[in-house]
């Protein structure tokens, strides 16, 4: 593989979509790219010679960790690489959205701990907990126009399982499926079980295309999923997807997902329909 020459390397770093800077032994910026200036919220021409600490809220600078720019308020992951000449190269990756979601998630989890939030059969969030988690995310989308999707999932053969094998078998099937569903979501997502027995996913920062792709992936996995403890039972179901639109509240978002779910159930097994 050919190594880029000095001019190419300079161009690559200058046009990189993440912040890059070199810092001398005194902690002052000797060079930085345009992406760093945008992250810092400062003109590029003002940055040369400034102490890096003058740009940041935090006083302590971890070699790898999250710091915040004072002027722009953006959160970045800071990674330092030492050079042989005494200077350091520092890389900055914008994690503002991730940190905001993480903070909201932490607050949500603290709030959820104060209530009875867990469905006793599936071990997932119950309907009330899902609603409490969805409402602030709807408010966030209303304020910032961020994408937000809801996916509902209904299993059509649980009634047959109950009739043939009893309530204990239904609980076993629900628990097995719940474990599969939990493994498919990101830390920022919510997955729960509704009062009618259907399942629901709340997917922040996710548009309808990505939500439909996730539902399709889970549908394919379910079509191959069996429960050996129940004689190789295969849970059968379909998915409805809705994406937040201006004017939506939590009720309307779920209602539209359920409407799409009804059409998916009419279309057949393991179908995905987007409202």
C-alpha atoms as a PDB file:
ATOM      1  CA  UNK A   1       0.000   0.000   0.000  1.00  0.00           C
ATOM      2  CA  UNK A   2       1.356   3.414  -0.984  1.00  0.00           C
ATOM      3  CA  UNK A   3       1.939   5.830   1.909  1.00  0.00           C
ATOM      4  CA  UNK A   4       0.593   9.370   1.213  1.00  0.00           C
ATOM      5  CA  UNK A   5       3.281  11.988   0.782  1.00  0.00           C
ATOM      6  CA  UNK A   6       3.438  15.054   3.054  1.00  0.00           C
ATOM      7  CA  UNK A   7       1.172  17.246   0.910  1.00  0.00           C
ATOM      8  CA  UNK A   8      -1.481  14.543   0.665  1.00  0.00           C
ATOM      9  CA  UNK A   9      -1.323  13.910   4.411  1.00  0.00           C
ATOM     10  CA  UNK A  10      -1.771  17.635   5.112  1.00  0.00           C
ATOM     11  CA  UNK A  11      -4.818  17.737   2.836  1.00  0.00           C
ATOM     12  CA  UNK A  12      -6.345  14.612   4.414  1.00  0.00           C
ATOM     13  CA  UNK A  13      -6.031  16.028   7.931  1.00  0.00           C
ATOM     14  CA  UNK A  14      -7.192  19.516   6.933  1.00  0.00           C
ATOM     15  CA  UNK A  15     -10.359  18.173   5.291  1.00  0.00           C
ATOM     16  CA  UNK A  16     -11.099  15.421   7.824  1.00  0.00           C
ATOM     17  CA  UNK A  17     -14.742  15.448   9.078  1.00  0.00           C
ATOM     18  CA  UNK A  18     -13.526  15.294  12.698  1.00  0.00           C
ATOM     19  CA  UNK A  19     -11.351  17.700  14.670  1.00  0.00           C
ATOM     20  CA  UNK A  20      -7.560  17.342  14.521  1.00  0.00           C
ATOM     21  CA  UNK A  21      -4.940  19.489  16.250  1.00  0.00           C
ATOM     22  CA  UNK A  22      -1.261  19.407  17.096  1.00  0.00           C
ATOM     23  CA  UNK A  23      -0.280  20.750  20.513  1.00  0.00           C
ATOM     24  CA  UNK A  24       3.212  21.746  21.652  1.00  0.00           C
ATOM     25  CA  UNK A  25       4.893  20.908  24.958  1.00  0.00           C
ATOM     26  CA  UNK A  26       3.201  23.930  26.605  1.00  0.00           C
ATOM     27  CA  UNK A  27      -0.252  22.731  25.597  1.00  0.00           C
ATOM     28  CA  UNK A  28      -0.741  25.383  22.898  1.00  0.00           C
ATOM     29  CA  UNK A  29      -2.266  24.648  19.506  1.00  0.00           C
ATOM     30  CA  UNK A  30       0.386  24.742  16.787  1.00  0.00           C
ATOM     31  CA  UNK A  31      -2.041  23.618  14.049  1.00  0.00           C
ATOM     32  CA  UNK A  32      -5.653  22.540  13.721  1.00  0.00           C
ATOM     33  CA  UNK A  33      -8.143  21.801  10.961  1.00  0.00           C
ATOM     34  CA  UNK A  34     -11.406  23.500  10.027  1.00  0.00           C
ATOM     35  CA  UNK A  35     -13.535  20.790  11.649  1.00  0.00           C
ATOM     36  CA  UNK A  36     -11.993  21.588  15.040  1.00  0.00           C
ATOM     37  CA  UNK A  37     -12.754  25.290  14.612  1.00  0.00           C
ATOM     38  CA  UNK A  38     -16.390  24.418  13.849  1.00  0.00           C
ATOM     39  CA  UNK A  39     -16.602  22.149  16.887  1.00  0.00           C
ATOM     40  CA  UNK A  40     -15.074  24.831  19.095  1.00  0.00           C
ATOM     41  CA  UNK A  41     -17.302  27.574  17.667  1.00  0.00           C
ATOM     42  CA  UNK A  42     -14.275  29.804  17.043  1.00  0.00           C
ATOM     43  CA  UNK A  43     -12.737  31.215  13.828  1.00  0.00           C
ATOM     44  CA  UNK A  44      -9.881  29.078  12.563  1.00  0.00           C
ATOM     45  CA  UNK A  45      -7.590  32.108  12.421  1.00  0.00           C
ATOM     46  CA  UNK A  46      -7.932  32.670  16.190  1.00  0.00           C
ATOM     47  CA  UNK A  47      -6.892  29.205  17.314  1.00  0.00           C
ATOM     48  CA  UNK A  48      -3.160  29.031  16.517  1.00  0.00           C
ATOM     49  CA  UNK A  49      -1.143  29.599  19.688  1.00  0.00           C
ATOM     50  CA  UNK A  50      -4.095  29.314  22.071  1.00  0.00           C
ATOM     51  CA  UNK A  51      -3.840  26.892  24.999  1.00  0.00           C
ATOM     52  CA  UNK A  52      -6.127  23.957  24.376  1.00  0.00           C
ATOM     53  CA  UNK A  53      -7.561  24.453  27.868  1.00  0.00           C
ATOM     54  CA  UNK A  54      -8.821  27.902  26.803  1.00  0.00           C
ATOM     55  CA  UNK A  55     -11.282  26.183  24.471  1.00  0.00           C
ATOM     56  CA  UNK A  56     -12.678  23.684  26.951  1.00  0.00           C
ATOM     57  CA  UNK A  57     -15.002  23.772  29.927  1.00  0.00           C
ATOM     58  CA  UNK A  58     -13.159  21.039  31.787  1.00  0.00           C
ATOM     59  CA  UNK A  59      -9.892  21.772  33.550  1.00  0.00           C
ATOM     60  CA  UNK A  60      -8.621  18.195  33.654  1.00  0.00           C
ATOM     61  CA  UNK A  61      -7.742  16.714  30.272  1.00  0.00           C
ATOM     62  CA  UNK A  62      -7.928  12.917  30.080  1.00  0.00           C
ATOM     63  CA  UNK A  63      -5.804  11.328  27.358  1.00  0.00           C
ATOM     64  CA  UNK A  64      -9.016   9.644  26.198  1.00  0.00           C
ATOM     65  CA  UNK A  65     -12.420  10.804  27.369  1.00  0.00           C
ATOM     66  CA  UNK A  66     -15.353  13.171  26.918  1.00  0.00           C
ATOM     67  CA  UNK A  67     -14.755  16.928  27.167  1.00  0.00           C
ATOM     68  CA  UNK A  68     -16.882  19.947  26.265  1.00  0.00           C
ATOM     69  CA  UNK A  69     -16.063  23.073  24.251  1.00  0.00           C
ATOM     70  CA  UNK A  70     -16.891  26.236  26.168  1.00  0.00           C
ATOM     71  CA  UNK A  71     -17.959  28.440  23.233  1.00  0.00           C
ATOM     72  CA  UNK A  72     -20.137  25.971  21.306  1.00  0.00           C
ATOM     73  CA  UNK A  73     -21.199  23.704  24.150  1.00  0.00           C
ATOM     74  CA  UNK A  74     -20.442  20.645  21.994  1.00  0.00           C
ATOM     75  CA  UNK A  75     -19.314  17.441  23.666  1.00  0.00           C
ATOM     76  CA  UNK A  76     -16.435  15.576  22.022  1.00  0.00           C
ATOM     77  CA  UNK A  77     -14.458  12.413  22.615  1.00  0.00           C
ATOM     78  CA  UNK A  78     -10.818  13.507  22.944  1.00  0.00           C
ATOM     79  CA  UNK A  79      -7.996  11.099  21.998  1.00  0.00           C
ATOM     80  CA  UNK A  80      -4.311  12.049  22.390  1.00  0.00           C
ATOM     81  CA  UNK A  81      -1.379  10.514  20.487  1.00  0.00           C
ATOM     82  CA  UNK A  82       2.158  11.480  21.576  1.00  0.00           C
ATOM     83  CA  UNK A  83       4.787  12.243  18.923  1.00  0.00           C
ATOM     84  CA  UNK A  84       8.533  11.726  19.163  1.00  0.00           C
ATOM     85  CA  UNK A  85       9.241  15.459  18.788  1.00  0.00           C
ATOM     86  CA  UNK A  86       7.457  16.386  22.043  1.00  0.00           C
ATOM     87  CA  UNK A  87       4.255  17.482  20.356  1.00  0.00           C
ATOM     88  CA  UNK A  88       0.955  15.652  20.570  1.00  0.00           C
ATOM     89  CA  UNK A  89      -1.756  14.985  18.005  1.00  0.00           C
ATOM     90  CA  UNK A  90      -5.269  15.283  19.384  1.00  0.00           C
ATOM     91  CA  UNK A  91      -8.418  13.983  17.705  1.00  0.00           C
ATOM     92  CA  UNK A  92     -11.920  15.215  18.567  1.00  0.00           C
ATOM     93  CA  UNK A  93     -15.091  13.287  17.655  1.00  0.00           C
ATOM     94  CA  UNK A  94     -18.458  15.023  18.082  1.00  0.00           C
ATOM     95  CA  UNK A  95     -20.606  13.016  20.541  1.00  0.00           C
ATOM     96  CA  UNK A  96     -23.046  15.810  21.447  1.00  0.00           C
ATOM     97  CA  UNK A  97     -26.167  13.865  20.422  1.00  0.00           C
ATOM     98  CA  UNK A  98     -24.965  10.662  22.063  1.00  0.00           C
ATOM     99  CA  UNK A  99     -24.175  12.458  25.324  1.00  0.00           C
ATOM    100  CA  UNK A 100     -27.559  14.231  25.302  1.00  0.00           C
ATOM    101  CA  UNK A 101     -29.337  10.919  24.770  1.00  0.00           C
ATOM    102  CA  UNK A 102     -27.211   9.276  27.454  1.00  0.00           C
ATOM    103  CA  UNK A 103     -28.088  12.069  29.886  1.00  0.00           C
ATOM    104  CA  UNK A 104     -31.784  11.806  29.040  1.00  0.00           C
ATOM    105  CA  UNK A 105     -31.555   8.035  29.404  1.00  0.00           C
ATOM    106  CA  UNK A 106     -29.969   8.395  32.846  1.00  0.00           C
ATOM    107  CA  UNK A 107     -32.705  10.776  34.000  1.00  0.00           C
ATOM    108  CA  UNK A 108     -35.335   8.462  32.547  1.00  0.00           C
ATOM    109  CA  UNK A 109     -33.880   5.420  34.293  1.00  0.00           C
ATOM    110  CA  UNK A 110     -33.851   7.279  37.611  1.00  0.00           C
ATOM    111  CA  UNK A 111     -37.480   8.249  37.108  1.00  0.00           C
ATOM    112  CA  UNK A 112     -38.449   4.720  36.099  1.00  0.00           C
ATOM    113  CA  UNK A 113     -36.848   3.274  39.217  1.00  0.00           C
ATOM    114  CA  UNK A 114     -39.372   5.228  41.292  1.00  0.00           C
ATOM    115  CA  UNK A 115     -42.296   3.362  39.737  1.00  0.00           C
ATOM    116  CA  UNK A 116     -43.304  -0.174  38.975  1.00  0.00           C
ATOM    117  CA  UNK A 117     -41.838  -0.290  35.475  1.00  0.00           C
ATOM    118  CA  UNK A 118     -41.287  -3.948  34.568  1.00  0.00           C
ATOM    119  CA  UNK A 119     -43.669  -6.360  32.896  1.00  0.00           C
ATOM    120  CA  UNK A 120     -43.739  -9.408  35.170  1.00  0.00           C
ATOM    121  CA  UNK A 121     -43.727 -11.978  32.346  1.00  0.00           C
ATOM    122  CA  UNK A 122     -41.301 -10.578  29.774  1.00  0.00           C
ATOM    123  CA  UNK A 123     -38.928  -8.676  32.052  1.00  0.00           C
ATOM    124  CA  UNK A 124     -39.254  -5.710  29.648  1.00  0.00           C
ATOM    125  CA  UNK A 125     -40.665  -2.272  30.395  1.00  0.00           C
ATOM    126  CA  UNK A 126     -44.413  -2.249  30.927  1.00  0.00           C
ATOM    127  CA  UNK A 127     -46.793   0.008  29.017  1.00  0.00           C
ATOM    128  CA  UNK A 128     -46.737   2.803  31.597  1.00  0.00           C
ATOM    129  CA  UNK A 129     -42.926   2.882  31.612  1.00  0.00           C
ATOM    130  CA  UNK A 130     -42.774   2.946  27.812  1.00  0.00           C
ATOM    131  CA  UNK A 131     -45.198   5.860  27.737  1.00  0.00           C
ATOM    132  CA  UNK A 132     -43.181   7.789  30.314  1.00  0.00           C
ATOM    133  CA  UNK A 133     -40.073   7.174  28.219  1.00  0.00           C
ATOM    134  CA  UNK A 134     -41.709   8.079  24.910  1.00  0.00           C
ATOM    135  CA  UNK A 135     -43.249  11.405  25.909  1.00  0.00           C
ATOM    136  CA  UNK A 136     -39.973  13.310  26.547  1.00  0.00           C
ATOM    137  CA  UNK A 137     -38.573  11.909  23.302  1.00  0.00           C
ATOM    138  CA  UNK A 138     -41.618  13.236  21.422  1.00  0.00           C
ATOM    139  CA  UNK A 139     -41.048  16.617  23.081  1.00  0.00           C
ATOM    140  CA  UNK A 140     -37.415  16.510  21.992  1.00  0.00           C
ATOM    141  CA  UNK A 141     -38.398  15.754  18.386  1.00  0.00           C
ATOM    142  CA  UNK A 142     -40.961  18.563  18.506  1.00  0.00           C
ATOM    143  CA  UNK A 143     -38.277  20.978  19.675  1.00  0.00           C
ATOM    144  CA  UNK A 144     -35.325  19.907  17.511  1.00  0.00           C
ATOM    145  CA  UNK A 145     -37.071  18.090  14.633  1.00  0.00           C
ATOM    146  CA  UNK A 146     -35.066  14.929  15.406  1.00  0.00           C
ATOM    147  CA  UNK A 147     -36.251  11.621  13.932  1.00  0.00           C
ATOM    148  CA  UNK A 148     -38.118   9.250  16.235  1.00  0.00           C
ATOM    149  CA  UNK A 149     -39.768   5.943  15.349  1.00  0.00           C
ATOM    150  CA  UNK A 150     -42.087   3.464  17.046  1.00  0.00           C
ATOM    151  CA  UNK A 151     -42.390  -0.198  16.070  1.00  0.00           C
ATOM    152  CA  UNK A 152     -45.161  -2.467  17.371  1.00  0.00           C
ATOM    153  CA  UNK A 153     -45.023  -6.257  17.151  1.00  0.00           C
ATOM    154  CA  UNK A 154     -47.907  -8.694  17.601  1.00  0.00           C
ATOM    155  CA  UNK A 155     -47.708 -12.497  17.826  1.00  0.00           C
ATOM    156  CA  UNK A 156     -50.617 -14.302  16.236  1.00  0.00           C
ATOM    157  CA  UNK A 157     -50.187 -17.826  17.572  1.00  0.00           C
ATOM    158  CA  UNK A 158     -50.019 -17.221  21.331  1.00  0.00           C
ATOM    159  CA  UNK A 159     -53.739 -17.983  21.664  1.00  0.00           C
ATOM    160  CA  UNK A 160     -53.117 -21.387  20.081  1.00  0.00           C
ATOM    161  CA  UNK A 161     -50.228 -21.978  22.485  1.00  0.00           C
ATOM    162  CA  UNK A 162     -52.454 -21.123  25.463  1.00  0.00           C
ATOM    163  CA  UNK A 163     -55.216 -23.429  24.267  1.00  0.00           C
ATOM    164  CA  UNK A 164     -52.890 -26.348  23.527  1.00  0.00           C
ATOM    165  CA  UNK A 165     -50.203 -25.995  26.228  1.00  0.00           C
ATOM    166  CA  UNK A 166     -51.564 -23.621  28.860  1.00  0.00           C
ATOM    167  CA  UNK A 167     -50.642 -20.230  30.344  1.00  0.00           C
ATOM    168  CA  UNK A 168     -47.217 -21.418  31.459  1.00  0.00           C
ATOM    169  CA  UNK A 169     -46.252 -22.158  27.870  1.00  0.00           C
ATOM    170  CA  UNK A 170     -47.358 -18.671  26.792  1.00  0.00           C
ATOM    171  CA  UNK A 171     -45.191 -17.132  29.511  1.00  0.00           C
ATOM    172  CA  UNK A 172     -42.256 -19.281  28.358  1.00  0.00           C
ATOM    173  CA  UNK A 173     -42.756 -18.134  24.762  1.00  0.00           C
ATOM    174  CA  UNK A 174     -43.025 -14.458  25.749  1.00  0.00           C
ATOM    175  CA  UNK A 175     -39.845 -14.665  27.841  1.00  0.00           C
ATOM    176  CA  UNK A 176     -37.878 -16.350  25.051  1.00  0.00           C
ATOM    177  CA  UNK A 177     -38.965 -13.776  22.481  1.00  0.00           C
ATOM    178  CA  UNK A 178     -38.250 -10.920  24.913  1.00  0.00           C
ATOM    179  CA  UNK A 179     -34.664 -12.048  25.298  1.00  0.00           C
ATOM    180  CA  UNK A 180     -34.255 -12.077  21.523  1.00  0.00           C
ATOM    181  CA  UNK A 181     -35.754  -8.583  21.205  1.00  0.00           C
ATOM    182  CA  UNK A 182     -33.601  -7.146  23.983  1.00  0.00           C
ATOM    183  CA  UNK A 183     -30.471  -8.303  22.166  1.00  0.00           C
ATOM    184  CA  UNK A 184     -31.406  -6.320  19.031  1.00  0.00           C
ATOM    185  CA  UNK A 185     -31.732  -2.814  20.477  1.00  0.00           C
ATOM    186  CA  UNK A 186     -29.221  -0.058  21.183  1.00  0.00           C
ATOM    187  CA  UNK A 187     -28.668   1.301  24.667  1.00  0.00           C
ATOM    188  CA  UNK A 188     -30.700   4.418  23.783  1.00  0.00           C
ATOM    189  CA  UNK A 189     -33.757   2.448  22.603  1.00  0.00           C
ATOM    190  CA  UNK A 190     -36.724   1.357  24.702  1.00  0.00           C
ATOM    191  CA  UNK A 191     -38.431  -2.009  24.318  1.00  0.00           C
ATOM    192  CA  UNK A 192     -41.525  -2.964  26.246  1.00  0.00           C
ATOM    193  CA  UNK A 193     -44.717  -4.983  26.377  1.00  0.00           C
ATOM    194  CA  UNK A 194     -48.104  -3.352  26.018  1.00  0.00           C
ATOM    195  CA  UNK A 195     -51.156  -4.193  28.120  1.00  0.00           C
ATOM    196  CA  UNK A 196     -52.687  -6.132  25.217  1.00  0.00           C
ATOM    197  CA  UNK A 197     -49.615  -8.378  25.027  1.00  0.00           C
ATOM    198  CA  UNK A 198     -48.055  -6.756  21.960  1.00  0.00           C
ATOM    199  CA  UNK A 199     -44.453  -5.557  22.029  1.00  0.00           C
ATOM    200  CA  UNK A 200     -43.230  -2.045  21.291  1.00  0.00           C
ATOM    201  CA  UNK A 201     -39.895  -0.477  20.337  1.00  0.00           C
ATOM    202  CA  UNK A 202     -39.182   3.233  20.827  1.00  0.00           C
ATOM    203  CA  UNK A 203     -36.242   4.256  18.613  1.00  0.00           C
ATOM    204  CA  UNK A 204     -34.835   7.778  19.140  1.00  0.00           C
ATOM    205  CA  UNK A 205     -32.714   9.358  16.374  1.00  0.00           C
ATOM    206  CA  UNK A 206     -34.140   6.761  13.957  1.00  0.00           C
ATOM    207  CA  UNK A 207     -36.030   7.571  10.757  1.00  0.00           C
ATOM    208  CA  UNK A 208     -38.672   5.337   9.185  1.00  0.00           C
ATOM    209  CA  UNK A 209     -36.196   3.720   6.762  1.00  0.00           C
ATOM    210  CA  UNK A 210     -33.874   2.629   9.576  1.00  0.00           C
ATOM    211  CA  UNK A 211     -36.811   1.550  11.769  1.00  0.00           C
ATOM    212  CA  UNK A 212     -38.278  -0.517   8.945  1.00  0.00           C
ATOM    213  CA  UNK A 213     -34.861  -2.104   8.348  1.00  0.00           C
ATOM    214  CA  UNK A 214     -34.596  -3.047  12.044  1.00  0.00           C
ATOM    215  CA  UNK A 215     -38.109  -4.511  12.025  1.00  0.00           C
ATOM    216  CA  UNK A 216     -37.247  -6.496   8.884  1.00  0.00           C
ATOM    217  CA  UNK A 217     -34.090  -7.834  10.516  1.00  0.00           C
ATOM    218  CA  UNK A 218     -36.000  -8.989  13.604  1.00  0.00           C
ATOM    219  CA  UNK A 219     -38.739 -10.485  11.407  1.00  0.00           C
ATOM    220  CA  UNK A 220     -36.137 -12.591   9.601  1.00  0.00           C
ATOM    221  CA  UNK A 221     -34.655 -13.723  12.902  1.00  0.00           C
ATOM    222  CA  UNK A 222     -38.078 -14.627  14.286  1.00  0.00           C
ATOM    223  CA  UNK A 223     -38.894 -16.655  11.177  1.00  0.00           C
ATOM    224  CA  UNK A 224     -35.932 -18.888  12.083  1.00  0.00           C
ATOM    225  CA  UNK A 225     -36.417 -18.747  15.867  1.00  0.00           C
ATOM    226  CA  UNK A 226     -37.809 -21.718  17.786  1.00  0.00           C
ATOM    227  CA  UNK A 227     -38.377 -22.547  21.443  1.00  0.00           C
ATOM    228  CA  UNK A 228     -37.032 -26.059  22.134  1.00  0.00           C
ATOM    229  CA  UNK A 229     -38.671 -26.129  25.583  1.00  0.00           C
ATOM    230  CA  UNK A 230     -42.040 -25.823  23.841  1.00  0.00           C
ATOM    231  CA  UNK A 231     -41.478 -28.562  21.297  1.00  0.00           C
ATOM    232  CA  UNK A 232     -39.750 -26.308  18.758  1.00  0.00           C
ATOM    233  CA  UNK A 233     -42.560 -23.733  18.737  1.00  0.00           C
ATOM    234  CA  UNK A 234     -41.967 -20.853  16.330  1.00  0.00           C
ATOM    235  CA  UNK A 235     -43.573 -17.562  17.455  1.00  0.00           C
ATOM    236  CA  UNK A 236     -45.399 -15.984  14.508  1.00  0.00           C
ATOM    237  CA  UNK A 237     -45.966 -12.264  14.180  1.00  0.00           C
ATOM    238  CA  UNK A 238     -45.808  -9.058  12.164  1.00  0.00           C
ATOM    239  CA  UNK A 239     -44.650  -5.451  12.617  1.00  0.00           C
ATOM    240  CA  UNK A 240     -46.064  -1.941  12.275  1.00  0.00           C
ATOM    241  CA  UNK A 241     -43.766   1.082  11.955  1.00  0.00           C
ATOM    242  CA  UNK A 242     -44.487   4.783  12.425  1.00  0.00           C
ATOM    243  CA  UNK A 243     -42.202   7.808  12.370  1.00  0.00           C
ATOM    244  CA  UNK A 244     -42.762  11.055  14.266  1.00  0.00           C
ATOM    245  CA  UNK A 245     -44.411  13.833  12.276  1.00  0.00           C
ATOM    246  CA  UNK A 246     -45.101  17.419  13.276  1.00  0.00           C
ATOM    247  CA  UNK A 247     -48.254  17.517  15.364  1.00  0.00           C
ATOM    248  CA  UNK A 248     -47.770  13.987  16.735  1.00  0.00           C
ATOM    249  CA  UNK A 249     -48.019  13.220  20.418  1.00  0.00           C
ATOM    250  CA  UNK A 250     -47.169   9.861  21.973  1.00  0.00           C
ATOM    251  CA  UNK A 251     -50.726   8.551  21.542  1.00  0.00           C
ATOM    252  CA  UNK A 252     -50.890   9.392  17.843  1.00  0.00           C
ATOM    253  CA  UNK A 253     -47.454   7.917  17.179  1.00  0.00           C
ATOM    254  CA  UNK A 254     -48.433   4.602  18.790  1.00  0.00           C
ATOM    255  CA  UNK A 255     -51.879   4.647  17.157  1.00  0.00           C
ATOM    256  CA  UNK A 256     -50.346   5.015  13.710  1.00  0.00           C
ATOM    257  CA  UNK A 257     -47.899   2.160  14.404  1.00  0.00           C
ATOM    258  CA  UNK A 258     -50.805  -0.038  15.505  1.00  0.00           C
ATOM    259  CA  UNK A 259     -52.709   0.851  12.329  1.00  0.00           C
ATOM    260  CA  UNK A 260     -49.727  -0.264  10.262  1.00  0.00           C
ATOM    261  CA  UNK A 261     -49.502  -3.408  12.404  1.00  0.00           C
ATOM    262  CA  UNK A 262     -53.116  -4.303  11.576  1.00  0.00           C
ATOM    263  CA  UNK A 263     -52.307  -4.099   7.862  1.00  0.00           C
ATOM    264  CA  UNK A 264     -49.177  -6.206   8.380  1.00  0.00           C
ATOM    265  CA  UNK A 265     -51.196  -8.908  10.156  1.00  0.00           C
ATOM    266  CA  UNK A 266     -53.663  -8.963   7.272  1.00  0.00           C
ATOM    267  CA  UNK A 267     -50.771  -9.331   4.798  1.00  0.00           C
ATOM    268  CA  UNK A 268     -49.358 -12.447   6.441  1.00  0.00           C
ATOM    269  CA  UNK A 269     -46.634 -13.712   8.778  1.00  0.00           C
ATOM    270  CA  UNK A 270     -43.470 -11.764   9.545  1.00  0.00           C
ATOM    271  CA  UNK A 271     -44.591  -8.796   7.449  1.00  0.00           C
ATOM    272  CA  UNK A 272     -43.475  -5.205   8.085  1.00  0.00           C
ATOM    273  CA  UNK A 273     -45.759  -2.283   7.170  1.00  0.00           C
ATOM    274  CA  UNK A 274     -44.844   1.382   7.632  1.00  0.00           C
ATOM    275  CA  UNK A 275     -47.562   3.960   8.246  1.00  0.00           C
END
